């Protein structure tokens, strides 16, 4: 039996799909935002767990992306300079 190898980018996408309850529309939006970047992935997942005011996974995903974009500003190389 051969071993299956999954790249880190594929693992991020699998995790996003699972985090979004296999809603492919929501996952597509999240994947487009994250772009296989581990930092964006971690921030997005954290923000997604905090979004409780939106109904539906696509709406929650959109809100989490907006919140993640704001949080990413803290990681800008110009921040704190």
PDB file of N, CA and C in Angstrom:
ATOM      1  N   UNK A   1       0.847  -1.187   0.000  1.00  0.00           N
ATOM      2  CA  UNK A   1       0.000   0.000   0.000  1.00  0.00           C
ATOM      3  C   UNK A   1       0.888   1.245   0.000  1.00  0.00           C
ATOM      4  N   UNK A   2       0.666   2.131  -0.921  1.00  0.00           N
ATOM      5  CA  UNK A   2       1.487   3.332  -1.015  1.00  0.00           C
ATOM      6  C   UNK A   2       0.970   4.425  -0.093  1.00  0.00           C
ATOM      7  N   UNK A   3       1.903   5.235   0.354  1.00  0.00           N
ATOM      8  CA  UNK A   3       1.578   6.343   1.249  1.00  0.00           C
ATOM      9  C   UNK A   3       1.086   7.539   0.438  1.00  0.00           C
ATOM     10  N   UNK A   4       0.058   8.197   0.932  1.00  0.00           N
ATOM     11  CA  UNK A   4      -0.481   9.382   0.274  1.00  0.00           C
ATOM     12  C   UNK A   4       0.205  10.606   0.860  1.00  0.00           C
ATOM     13  N   UNK A   5       0.714  11.440  -0.014  1.00  0.00           N
ATOM     14  CA  UNK A   5       1.387  12.655   0.421  1.00  0.00           C
ATOM     15  C   UNK A   5       0.521  13.860   0.072  1.00  0.00           C
ATOM     16  N   UNK A   6       0.349  14.736   1.048  1.00  0.00           N
ATOM     17  CA  UNK A   6      -0.427  15.955   0.862  1.00  0.00           C
ATOM     18  C   UNK A   6       0.517  17.134   1.086  1.00  0.00           C
ATOM     19  N   UNK A   7       0.530  18.078   0.156  1.00  0.00           N
ATOM     20  CA  UNK A   7       1.381  19.256   0.317  1.00  0.00           C
ATOM     21  C   UNK A   7       0.811  20.169   1.402  1.00  0.00           C
ATOM     22  N   UNK A   8       1.616  21.096   1.869  1.00  0.00           N
ATOM     23  CA  UNK A   8       1.130  22.036   2.889  1.00  0.00           C
ATOM     24  C   UNK A   8       0.001  22.899   2.340  1.00  0.00           C
ATOM     25  N   UNK A   9       0.081  23.275   1.072  1.00  0.00           N
ATOM     26  CA  UNK A   9      -0.990  24.072   0.452  1.00  0.00           C
ATOM     27  C   UNK A   9      -2.279  23.267   0.391  1.00  0.00           C
ATOM     28  N   UNK A  10      -2.168  21.991   0.025  1.00  0.00           N
ATOM     29  CA  UNK A  10      -3.352  21.134  -0.012  1.00  0.00           C
ATOM     30  C   UNK A  10      -3.932  20.945   1.384  1.00  0.00           C
ATOM     31  N   UNK A  11      -3.065  20.831   2.393  1.00  0.00           N
ATOM     32  CA  UNK A  11      -3.541  20.657   3.764  1.00  0.00           C
ATOM     33  C   UNK A  11      -4.296  21.885   4.237  1.00  0.00           C
ATOM     34  N   UNK A  12      -3.811  23.061   3.897  1.00  0.00           N
ATOM     35  CA  UNK A  12      -4.518  24.296   4.247  1.00  0.00           C
ATOM     36  C   UNK A  12      -5.906  24.285   3.609  1.00  0.00           C
ATOM     37  N   UNK A  13      -5.987  23.914   2.351  1.00  0.00           N
ATOM     38  CA  UNK A  13      -7.274  23.886   1.648  1.00  0.00           C
ATOM     39  C   UNK A  13      -8.213  22.846   2.245  1.00  0.00           C
ATOM     40  N   UNK A  14      -7.682  21.674   2.591  1.00  0.00           N
ATOM     41  CA  UNK A  14      -8.502  20.655   3.246  1.00  0.00           C
ATOM     42  C   UNK A  14      -9.023  21.152   4.582  1.00  0.00           C
ATOM     43  N   UNK A  15      -8.156  21.820   5.343  1.00  0.00           N
ATOM     44  CA  UNK A  15      -8.566  22.354   6.647  1.00  0.00           C
ATOM     45  C   UNK A  15      -9.638  23.430   6.494  1.00  0.00           C
ATOM     46  N   UNK A  16      -9.485  24.290   5.501  1.00  0.00           N
ATOM     47  CA  UNK A  16     -10.502  25.319   5.263  1.00  0.00           C
ATOM     48  C   UNK A  16     -11.833  24.683   4.893  1.00  0.00           C
ATOM     49  N   UNK A  17     -11.792  23.707   4.024  1.00  0.00           N
ATOM     50  CA  UNK A  17     -13.011  23.015   3.621  1.00  0.00           C
ATOM     51  C   UNK A  17     -13.703  22.389   4.831  1.00  0.00           C
ATOM     52  N   UNK A  18     -12.936  21.749   5.690  1.00  0.00           N
ATOM     53  CA  UNK A  18     -13.504  21.134   6.892  1.00  0.00           C
ATOM     54  C   UNK A  18     -14.029  22.197   7.857  1.00  0.00           C
ATOM     55  N   UNK A  19     -13.278  23.280   8.032  1.00  0.00           N
ATOM     56  CA  UNK A  19     -13.701  24.359   8.945  1.00  0.00           C
ATOM     57  C   UNK A  19     -15.015  24.990   8.505  1.00  0.00           C
ATOM     58  N   UNK A  20     -15.269  24.944   7.206  1.00  0.00           N
ATOM     59  CA  UNK A  20     -16.474  25.544   6.646  1.00  0.00           C
ATOM     60  C   UNK A  20     -17.532  24.487   6.329  1.00  0.00           C
ATOM     61  N   UNK A  21     -17.462  23.380   7.044  1.00  0.00           N
ATOM     62  CA  UNK A  21     -18.465  22.312   6.935  1.00  0.00           C
ATOM     63  C   UNK A  21     -18.690  21.857   5.494  1.00  0.00           C
ATOM     64  N   UNK A  22     -17.627  21.837   4.726  1.00  0.00           N
ATOM     65  CA  UNK A  22     -17.648  21.365   3.336  1.00  0.00           C
ATOM     66  C   UNK A  22     -18.577  22.172   2.435  1.00  0.00           C
ATOM     67  N   UNK A  23     -18.834  23.427   2.811  1.00  0.00           N
ATOM     68  CA  UNK A  23     -19.574  24.349   1.950  1.00  0.00           C
ATOM     69  C   UNK A  23     -18.575  24.862   0.911  1.00  0.00           C
ATOM     70  N   UNK A  24     -18.699  24.388  -0.322  1.00  0.00           N
ATOM     71  CA  UNK A  24     -17.701  24.712  -1.329  1.00  0.00           C
ATOM     72  C   UNK A  24     -17.694  26.186  -1.735  1.00  0.00           C
ATOM     73  N   UNK A  25     -18.831  26.852  -1.670  1.00  0.00           N
ATOM     74  CA  UNK A  25     -18.877  28.285  -1.998  1.00  0.00           C
ATOM     75  C   UNK A  25     -18.099  29.079  -0.949  1.00  0.00           C
ATOM     76  N   UNK A  26     -18.321  28.768   0.309  1.00  0.00           N
ATOM     77  CA  UNK A  26     -17.608  29.457   1.385  1.00  0.00           C
ATOM     78  C   UNK A  26     -16.117  29.108   1.327  1.00  0.00           C
ATOM     79  N   UNK A  27     -15.817  27.852   1.088  1.00  0.00           N
ATOM     80  CA  UNK A  27     -14.417  27.428   1.022  1.00  0.00           C
ATOM     81  C   UNK A  27     -13.687  28.110  -0.133  1.00  0.00           C
ATOM     82  N   UNK A  28     -14.349  28.273  -1.260  1.00  0.00           N
ATOM     83  CA  UNK A  28     -13.723  28.942  -2.404  1.00  0.00           C
ATOM     84  C   UNK A  28     -13.341  30.376  -2.058  1.00  0.00           C
ATOM     85  N   UNK A  29     -14.224  31.073  -1.340  1.00  0.00           N
ATOM     86  CA  UNK A  29     -13.912  32.440  -0.909  1.00  0.00           C
ATOM     87  C   UNK A  29     -12.729  32.455   0.056  1.00  0.00           C
ATOM     88  N   UNK A  30     -12.738  31.529   0.999  1.00  0.00           N
ATOM     89  CA  UNK A  30     -11.654  31.462   1.978  1.00  0.00           C
ATOM     90  C   UNK A  30     -10.330  31.112   1.305  1.00  0.00           C
ATOM     91  N   UNK A  31     -10.355  30.168   0.382  1.00  0.00           N
ATOM     92  CA  UNK A  31      -9.141  29.766  -0.323  1.00  0.00           C
ATOM     93  C   UNK A  31      -8.592  30.923  -1.157  1.00  0.00           C
ATOM     94  N   UNK A  32      -9.484  31.666  -1.783  1.00  0.00           N
ATOM     95  CA  UNK A  32      -9.058  32.834  -2.568  1.00  0.00           C
ATOM     96  C   UNK A  32      -8.370  33.856  -1.667  1.00  0.00           C
ATOM     97  N   UNK A  33      -8.909  34.071  -0.474  1.00  0.00           N
ATOM     98  CA  UNK A  33      -8.310  35.026   0.454  1.00  0.00           C
ATOM     99  C   UNK A  33      -6.984  34.499   1.014  1.00  0.00           C
ATOM    100  N   UNK A  34      -6.982  33.287   1.499  1.00  0.00           N
ATOM    101  CA  UNK A  34      -5.802  32.730   2.174  1.00  0.00           C
ATOM    102  C   UNK A  34      -4.646  32.546   1.196  1.00  0.00           C
ATOM    103  N   UNK A  35      -4.946  32.080  -0.014  1.00  0.00           N
ATOM    104  CA  UNK A  35      -3.892  31.915  -1.004  1.00  0.00           C
ATOM    105  C   UNK A  35      -2.770  30.994  -0.547  1.00  0.00           C
ATOM    106  N   UNK A  36      -3.049  30.009   0.270  1.00  0.00           N
ATOM    107  CA  UNK A  36      -2.084  29.030   0.772  1.00  0.00           C
ATOM    108  C   UNK A  36      -1.044  29.637   1.719  1.00  0.00           C
ATOM    109  N   UNK A  37      -1.316  30.815   2.251  1.00  0.00           N
ATOM    110  CA  UNK A  37      -0.414  31.479   3.194  1.00  0.00           C
ATOM    111  C   UNK A  37      -0.749  31.021   4.618  1.00  0.00           C
ATOM    112  N   UNK A  38       0.197  30.407   5.327  1.00  0.00           N
ATOM    113  CA  UNK A  38      -0.089  29.895   6.667  1.00  0.00           C
ATOM    114  C   UNK A  38      -0.541  30.969   7.666  1.00  0.00           C
ATOM    115  N   UNK A  39       0.024  32.169   7.587  1.00  0.00           N
ATOM    116  CA  UNK A  39      -0.385  33.242   8.492  1.00  0.00           C
ATOM    117  C   UNK A  39      -1.821  33.659   8.216  1.00  0.00           C
ATOM    118  N   UNK A  40      -2.151  33.871   6.949  1.00  0.00           N
ATOM    119  CA  UNK A  40      -3.526  34.235   6.598  1.00  0.00           C
ATOM    120  C   UNK A  40      -4.497  33.133   7.005  1.00  0.00           C
ATOM    121  N   UNK A  41      -4.072  31.882   6.837  1.00  0.00           N
ATOM    122  CA  UNK A  41      -4.924  30.760   7.229  1.00  0.00           C
ATOM    123  C   UNK A  41      -5.221  30.810   8.723  1.00  0.00           C
ATOM    124  N   UNK A  42      -4.182  30.967   9.535  1.00  0.00           N
ATOM    125  CA  UNK A  42      -4.374  30.958  10.983  1.00  0.00           C
ATOM    126  C   UNK A  42      -5.237  32.126  11.437  1.00  0.00           C
ATOM    127  N   UNK A  43      -4.997  33.291  10.895  1.00  0.00           N
ATOM    128  CA  UNK A  43      -5.801  34.461  11.258  1.00  0.00           C
ATOM    129  C   UNK A  43      -7.251  34.248  10.824  1.00  0.00           C
ATOM    130  N   UNK A  44      -7.460  33.750   9.606  1.00  0.00           N
ATOM    131  CA  UNK A  44      -8.825  33.526   9.120  1.00  0.00           C
ATOM    132  C   UNK A  44      -9.581  32.546  10.011  1.00  0.00           C
ATOM    133  N   UNK A  45      -8.962  31.425  10.332  1.00  0.00           N
ATOM    134  CA  UNK A  45      -9.631  30.415  11.163  1.00  0.00           C
ATOM    135  C   UNK A  45      -9.991  30.998  12.532  1.00  0.00           C
ATOM    136  N   UNK A  46      -9.076  31.775  13.096  1.00  0.00           N
ATOM    137  CA  UNK A  46      -9.365  32.413  14.389  1.00  0.00           C
ATOM    138  C   UNK A  46     -10.520  33.398  14.272  1.00  0.00           C
ATOM    139  N   UNK A  47     -10.517  34.191  13.231  1.00  0.00           N
ATOM    140  CA  UNK A  47     -11.600  35.160  13.040  1.00  0.00           C
ATOM    141  C   UNK A  47     -12.928  34.456  12.763  1.00  0.00           C
ATOM    142  N   UNK A  48     -12.894  33.384  11.984  1.00  0.00           N
ATOM    143  CA  UNK A  48     -14.116  32.644  11.674  1.00  0.00           C
ATOM    144  C   UNK A  48     -14.800  32.152  12.947  1.00  0.00           C
ATOM    145  N   UNK A  49     -14.014  31.708  13.896  1.00  0.00           N
ATOM    146  CA  UNK A  49     -14.604  31.216  15.148  1.00  0.00           C
ATOM    147  C   UNK A  49     -15.235  32.339  15.964  1.00  0.00           C
ATOM    148  N   UNK A  50     -14.838  33.579  15.699  1.00  0.00           N
ATOM    149  CA  UNK A  50     -15.366  34.731  16.431  1.00  0.00           C
ATOM    150  C   UNK A  50     -16.609  35.336  15.788  1.00  0.00           C
ATOM    151  N   UNK A  51     -16.835  35.050  14.511  1.00  0.00           N
ATOM    152  CA  UNK A  51     -17.975  35.636  13.793  1.00  0.00           C
ATOM    153  C   UNK A  51     -19.235  34.859  14.152  1.00  0.00           C
ATOM    154  N   UNK A  52     -20.125  35.525  14.870  1.00  0.00           N
ATOM    155  CA  UNK A  52     -21.369  34.875  15.294  1.00  0.00           C
ATOM    156  C   UNK A  52     -22.600  35.670  14.878  1.00  0.00           C
ATOM    157  N   UNK A  53     -22.389  36.850  14.318  1.00  0.00           N
ATOM    158  CA  UNK A  53     -23.518  37.723  13.997  1.00  0.00           C
ATOM    159  C   UNK A  53     -24.095  37.478  12.606  1.00  0.00           C
ATOM    160  N   UNK A  54     -23.379  36.719  11.777  1.00  0.00           N
ATOM    161  CA  UNK A  54     -23.815  36.492  10.396  1.00  0.00           C
ATOM    162  C   UNK A  54     -24.501  35.138  10.274  1.00  0.00           C
ATOM    163  N   UNK A  55     -25.535  35.076   9.427  1.00  0.00           N
ATOM    164  CA  UNK A  55     -26.203  33.819   9.145  1.00  0.00           C
ATOM    165  C   UNK A  55     -25.678  33.251   7.839  1.00  0.00           C
ATOM    166  N   UNK A  56     -25.429  31.970   7.799  1.00  0.00           N
ATOM    167  CA  UNK A  56     -24.934  31.324   6.591  1.00  0.00           C
ATOM    168  C   UNK A  56     -23.422  31.349   6.531  1.00  0.00           C
ATOM    169  N   UNK A  57     -22.860  30.281   5.994  1.00  0.00           N
ATOM    170  CA  UNK A  57     -21.401  30.165   5.961  1.00  0.00           C
ATOM    171  C   UNK A  57     -20.726  31.156   5.022  1.00  0.00           C
ATOM    172  N   UNK A  58     -21.355  31.474   3.907  1.00  0.00           N
ATOM    173  CA  UNK A  58     -20.739  32.433   2.990  1.00  0.00           C
ATOM    174  C   UNK A  58     -20.679  33.810   3.649  1.00  0.00           C
ATOM    175  N   UNK A  59     -21.738  34.215   4.317  1.00  0.00           N
ATOM    176  CA  UNK A  59     -21.750  35.499   5.020  1.00  0.00           C
ATOM    177  C   UNK A  59     -20.735  35.512   6.159  1.00  0.00           C
ATOM    178  N   UNK A  60     -20.642  34.408   6.906  1.00  0.00           N
ATOM    179  CA  UNK A  60     -19.649  34.310   7.985  1.00  0.00           C
ATOM    180  C   UNK A  60     -18.239  34.374   7.422  1.00  0.00           C
ATOM    181  N   UNK A  61     -18.032  33.715   6.290  1.00  0.00           N
ATOM    182  CA  UNK A  61     -16.723  33.713   5.652  1.00  0.00           C
ATOM    183  C   UNK A  61     -16.342  35.116   5.199  1.00  0.00           C
ATOM    184  N   UNK A  62     -17.270  35.818   4.577  1.00  0.00           N
ATOM    185  CA  UNK A  62     -17.020  37.186   4.118  1.00  0.00           C
ATOM    186  C   UNK A  62     -16.657  38.090   5.289  1.00  0.00           C
ATOM    187  N   UNK A  63     -17.390  37.976   6.378  1.00  0.00           N
ATOM    188  CA  UNK A  63     -17.117  38.783   7.568  1.00  0.00           C
ATOM    189  C   UNK A  63     -15.753  38.418   8.155  1.00  0.00           C
ATOM    190  N   UNK A  64     -15.440  37.132   8.216  1.00  0.00           N
ATOM    191  CA  UNK A  64     -14.151  36.694   8.754  1.00  0.00           C
ATOM    192  C   UNK A  64     -12.996  37.185   7.879  1.00  0.00           C
ATOM    193  N   UNK A  65     -13.198  37.225   6.572  1.00  0.00           N
ATOM    194  CA  UNK A  65     -12.169  37.751   5.676  1.00  0.00           C
ATOM    195  C   UNK A  65     -11.934  39.225   5.956  1.00  0.00           C
ATOM    196  N   UNK A  66     -13.006  39.999   6.114  1.00  0.00           N
ATOM    197  CA  UNK A  66     -12.860  41.431   6.415  1.00  0.00           C
ATOM    198  C   UNK A  66     -12.120  41.634   7.739  1.00  0.00           C
ATOM    199  N   UNK A  67     -12.487  40.863   8.737  1.00  0.00           N
ATOM    200  CA  UNK A  67     -11.816  40.959  10.039  1.00  0.00           C
ATOM    201  C   UNK A  67     -10.349  40.536   9.926  1.00  0.00           C
ATOM    202  N   UNK A  68     -10.078  39.531   9.122  1.00  0.00           N
ATOM    203  CA  UNK A  68      -8.706  39.056   8.930  1.00  0.00           C
ATOM    204  C   UNK A  68      -7.853  40.100   8.225  1.00  0.00           C
ATOM    205  N   UNK A  69      -8.431  40.767   7.239  1.00  0.00           N
ATOM    206  CA  UNK A  69      -7.694  41.817   6.535  1.00  0.00           C
ATOM    207  C   UNK A  69      -7.276  42.918   7.505  1.00  0.00           C
ATOM    208  N   UNK A  70      -8.160  43.265   8.423  1.00  0.00           N
ATOM    209  CA  UNK A  70      -7.821  44.280   9.430  1.00  0.00           C
ATOM    210  C   UNK A  70      -6.718  43.775  10.353  1.00  0.00           C
ATOM    211  N   UNK A  71      -6.806  42.514  10.772  1.00  0.00           N
ATOM    212  CA  UNK A  71      -5.795  41.953  11.670  1.00  0.00           C
ATOM    213  C   UNK A  71      -4.438  41.843  10.982  1.00  0.00           C
ATOM    214  N   UNK A  72      -4.433  41.558   9.690  1.00  0.00           N
ATOM    215  CA  UNK A  72      -3.176  41.428   8.963  1.00  0.00           C
ATOM    216  C   UNK A  72      -2.381  42.726   8.922  1.00  0.00           C
ATOM    217  N   UNK A  73      -3.065  43.836   9.081  1.00  0.00           N
ATOM    218  CA  UNK A  73      -2.351  45.118   9.111  1.00  0.00           C
ATOM    219  C   UNK A  73      -1.356  45.165  10.267  1.00  0.00           C
ATOM    220  N   UNK A  74      -1.628  44.419  11.314  1.00  0.00           N
ATOM    221  CA  UNK A  74      -0.726  44.365  12.464  1.00  0.00           C
ATOM    222  C   UNK A  74       0.582  43.651  12.109  1.00  0.00           C
ATOM    223  N   UNK A  75       0.573  42.878  11.037  1.00  0.00           N
ATOM    224  CA  UNK A  75       1.753  42.119  10.639  1.00  0.00           C
ATOM    225  C   UNK A  75       2.509  42.783   9.491  1.00  0.00           C
ATOM    226  N   UNK A  76       2.020  43.925   9.064  1.00  0.00           N
ATOM    227  CA  UNK A  76       2.675  44.662   7.988  1.00  0.00           C
ATOM    228  C   UNK A  76       4.083  45.046   8.456  1.00  0.00           C
ATOM    229  N   UNK A  77       5.041  44.942   7.571  1.00  0.00           N
ATOM    230  CA  UNK A  77       6.425  45.264   7.932  1.00  0.00           C
ATOM    231  C   UNK A  77       6.603  46.717   8.348  1.00  0.00           C
ATOM    232  N   UNK A  78       5.659  47.570   7.951  1.00  0.00           N
ATOM    233  CA  UNK A  78       5.717  48.982   8.316  1.00  0.00           C
ATOM    234  C   UNK A  78       5.117  49.242   9.701  1.00  0.00           C
ATOM    235  N   UNK A  79       4.358  48.263  10.234  1.00  0.00           N
ATOM    236  CA  UNK A  79       3.694  48.443  11.529  1.00  0.00           C
ATOM    237  C   UNK A  79       4.739  48.621  12.618  1.00  0.00           C
ATOM    238  N   UNK A  80       4.496  49.543  13.455  1.00  0.00           N
ATOM    239  CA  UNK A  80       5.380  49.782  14.581  1.00  0.00           C
ATOM    240  C   UNK A  80       6.593  50.616  14.254  1.00  0.00           C
ATOM    241  N   UNK A  81       6.742  51.041  13.020  1.00  0.00           N
ATOM    242  CA  UNK A  81       7.904  51.846  12.642  1.00  0.00           C
ATOM    243  C   UNK A  81       7.608  53.309  12.779  1.00  0.00           C
TER     244      UNK A  81
END
